[in-house]
Amino acid sequence: MTTRPTEDDLLAVFRRADLGGDEKLDLMEFTLVLDELGLSWTRAETQDRFEKADSNLDGFISYGEFRAILESQGWAEGPLPGARA
């Protein structure tokens, strides 16, 4: 993907990478998402961003956490639909 993805694109990519079907991503699944979005971060950068995104420290990234890290990196804009400001 070379352009900024839409909300539907982000959700579709997240769901495709969610190999366990548990609505959360582990580090490997997170890496798959980055590859599909065309984001080329080093292994260390990916690990660092994964850890920063995992705000509840459960070892996984939910869609909200995923969205927040992309937003903080300037890849997704604005809050999630329905989210309180």
Protein backbone atom coordinates (compact mmCIF):
# COMPACT_ATOMS: atom_id res chain seq x y z
CA MET A 1 0.00 0.00 0.00
CA THR A 2 1.58 3.27 -1.04
CA THR A 3 -1.15 5.68 0.02
CA ARG A 4 -2.52 6.26 3.51
CA PRO A 5 -5.05 3.47 4.09
CA THR A 6 -8.71 4.08 4.85
CA GLU A 7 -10.28 2.89 8.10
CA ASP A 8 -11.77 -0.07 6.19
CA ASP A 9 -8.32 -0.91 4.76
CA LEU A 10 -6.75 -0.86 8.22
CA LEU A 11 -9.41 -3.11 9.67
CA ALA A 12 -9.15 -5.54 6.74
CA VAL A 13 -5.35 -5.72 7.04
CA PHE A 14 -5.63 -6.22 10.81
CA ARG A 15 -8.15 -9.04 10.40
CA ARG A 16 -6.09 -10.79 7.71
CA ALA A 17 -3.00 -10.71 9.92
CA ASP A 18 -4.94 -11.94 12.97
CA LEU A 19 -4.08 -15.58 12.24
CA GLY A 20 -5.43 -16.75 15.59
CA GLY A 21 -8.78 -15.04 15.04
CA ASP A 22 -8.63 -13.66 18.57
CA GLU A 23 -8.93 -9.98 17.60
CA LYS A 24 -5.39 -9.20 18.73
CA LEU A 25 -1.95 -9.38 17.14
CA ASP A 26 1.22 -10.92 18.47
CA LEU A 27 4.59 -9.59 17.30
CA MET A 28 4.71 -11.87 14.24
CA GLU A 29 1.20 -10.87 13.17
CA PHE A 30 2.06 -7.20 13.75
CA THR A 31 5.05 -7.63 11.44
CA LEU A 32 2.75 -9.08 8.76
CA VAL A 33 0.55 -5.99 9.00
CA LEU A 34 3.53 -3.68 8.61
CA ASP A 35 4.70 -5.59 5.55
CA GLU A 36 1.24 -5.41 3.98
CA LEU A 37 1.04 -1.67 4.66
CA GLY A 38 4.48 -1.17 3.13
CA LEU A 39 6.01 0.14 6.35
CA SER A 40 9.65 -0.83 6.47
CA TRP A 41 10.79 -0.67 10.07
CA THR A 42 13.86 -2.53 11.31
CA ARG A 43 13.34 -5.49 13.59
CA ALA A 44 14.35 -3.34 16.57
CA GLU A 45 11.96 -0.52 15.54
CA THR A 46 9.15 -3.03 15.07
CA GLN A 47 9.77 -4.54 18.52
CA ASP A 48 9.96 -1.07 20.11
CA ARG A 49 6.73 0.10 18.50
CA PHE A 50 4.99 -3.15 19.38
CA GLU A 51 5.93 -2.68 23.03
CA LYS A 52 4.81 0.97 22.96
CA ALA A 53 1.51 0.02 21.29
CA ASP A 54 0.76 -2.67 23.87
CA SER A 55 -0.69 -0.18 26.32
CA ASN A 56 -2.30 -2.79 28.59
CA LEU A 57 0.90 -4.91 28.63
CA ASP A 58 -0.85 -8.17 27.72
CA GLY A 59 1.72 -9.08 25.05
CA PHE A 60 -0.74 -8.45 22.21
CA ILE A 61 -2.02 -5.49 20.23
CA SER A 62 -5.75 -4.91 19.95
CA TYR A 63 -7.18 -3.01 16.99
CA GLY A 64 -7.41 0.15 19.12
CA GLU A 65 -3.76 -0.16 20.14
CA PHE A 66 -2.80 -0.90 16.52
CA ARG A 67 -4.68 2.17 15.32
CA ALA A 68 -3.07 4.34 17.99
CA ILE A 69 0.50 3.37 17.06
CA LEU A 70 -0.15 4.01 13.38
CA GLU A 71 -1.70 7.35 14.25
CA SER A 72 1.31 8.29 16.40
CA GLN A 73 3.57 7.48 13.45
CA GLY A 74 1.50 9.66 11.10
CA TRP A 75 0.19 6.74 9.07
CA ALA A 76 -3.45 6.89 10.19
CA GLU A 77 -5.29 10.08 10.98
CA GLY A 78 -7.80 10.97 13.61
CA PRO A 79 -9.40 9.00 16.42
CA LEU A 80 -11.30 5.79 15.86
CA PRO A 81 -14.88 6.31 14.73
CA GLY A 82 -17.07 6.53 17.80
CA ALA A 83 -14.12 7.22 20.11
CA ARG A 84 -14.41 10.00 22.64
CA ALA A 85 -12.02 12.92 22.16
